[in-house]
């Protein structure tokens, strides 16, 4: 049974993966312990059904994961110890790897019986309260991963039947090899294209509208976004409004700033090629920008705008400077932390009956949790290495994957206070210019604006799910064996402070130009971010937000 090039399972393991006989001790014990099921004669279909159900238990899943780990697939999609030359299998042959993740639907419907239901994945967090119908939809872009996968973009567009393509990037990246690789592939496959390289790092409504005008004039039938989250988000907006030419700009912008209308028009194919390891924008239906007249960040959130395909090529990460990889990694860190601790999806309100009006950010759920925790483990293992050694291909490649993994998690579960509070931090920037960013305007990078409030935020939210906060602290390196439940917040906060200190992060909001006098404006800028702040597991007042900003003025 071949799962991926470079990974084959033996007959015994393949039989188990394929649904054959479970190994001894697996699927033969009651959940939570107890003696083996009795071996009654003539058990019949009912006994077979019980055994099938038990074969799907967590014990068996854990066993299979161990078997897969022992099989030691050498492709970078499945191995964190991959050390072969990029794109080569152990035999030396060029290989292609792909994730084709489309969507999974979790549906928990109201039953006539007034009984409680618990998901198997998490016996404490996702408790269904049958008062309304709740649905959590996992919607992500198709993802293809591998060193050199960018060279396939021309073939993908040819397969889509594209004749007139818009290639979006920024002026810095347009001079670097990754963009040339895309253009070479387009030329090789006979794809006509035009380049738009006026993307603004940390885009604004004005820069969005400039890109939208270019897209409308070009009448493109497909798009390629080559760059970080700023480029991919700009391309999403351009595709949306070019496909809906009669719409006003605020029609699709999130309420309360915009009208937040659902997207009902068909969009053109969009291929995203991320060059940073942070936003996960290649997997999500979200596009963020600064709304200049209010000096706040807002965005557009709809599953309809997510890219058709994300090409995740680890070779692009080798061009990221130290602080860019660090700040991008902080975005991954907070995506994972916030989506894992977000309000559970069955507690979200309101709960629209029509699927098209349900929010892209739905609250934490069992599937998003898996991606969030896995991304956090990668960050804990590889981010420091990726920052400190630009030649550490393994570390940078894994951070590139972590960005996509966290994107799948938060793109469906959502984020909360760190992100909600970050938008005025970056939107109200005064004179701060981050190191390693070649821009002509003051800039607080998104990942930095998010992570500076994280110790205060998770101290505040810990009382709602202390076990999960301690779990995250442990993943990040804390010794939680003697930690008490009431200490969950401080333990995670101290762990984060140490993590940030080791990576030379600025000492709080004061170090990037803010003072206590700015707190009222920062709170005012946070209040419109209800799309994310309402997903916080603990409700917050204006006084709470003020206290969180004050606690974030100094970290160490």
Foldseek 3Di string as FASTA:
>chain_A
DDPFVQFDDDPVLVCLVVPHDQDPPQLQADVPGDDGDDPDPPPPPVVVVSSSVSSPAPVVVVVNVVRRVVSPRQALVPDLPRDDPFQAHPVGDGGWFFAFQAKDKDWDAADPDQDKDADNLDRPAQIFHRPGTFIFIQGWATETEGAPLLLCPLVVCVVVVWAEEEEEAAPVCCPDDSVVSNVVSNVVNVHHYDYDHHQDQQAAPVSLVVLLVVLLVRVGQEYEFEEALSRLLSVLSSQQCSQVVVDDSLDQWDPPVGVNDFRDTQTHAYEYEYLAQAQLQLIAQWHKHQHQVLLFITTGHFSRSHHNYYYYHLVSPLPAALVRNLLRLLNLQQLLVFLLQWRALSPDPDRDPDVRPATQARAHDSVLNVLSVVLLLLSLVQSVVVNVDSPPSSSSSSSNVSSNSSCSNCSRNNGADLQLLLGSLFSVQDADDDPPDPDDGHGDRSSLSSLLLVLLLQLVQCVLPLVVLQVSLVSNPFDCPPPDSNCSSVSSSVSSLVVCVSSVRQFFSVRRPDDLVCLVVSLVNSVRVCVHNVRRSDHDDSVRSSVSNNVSRGRD
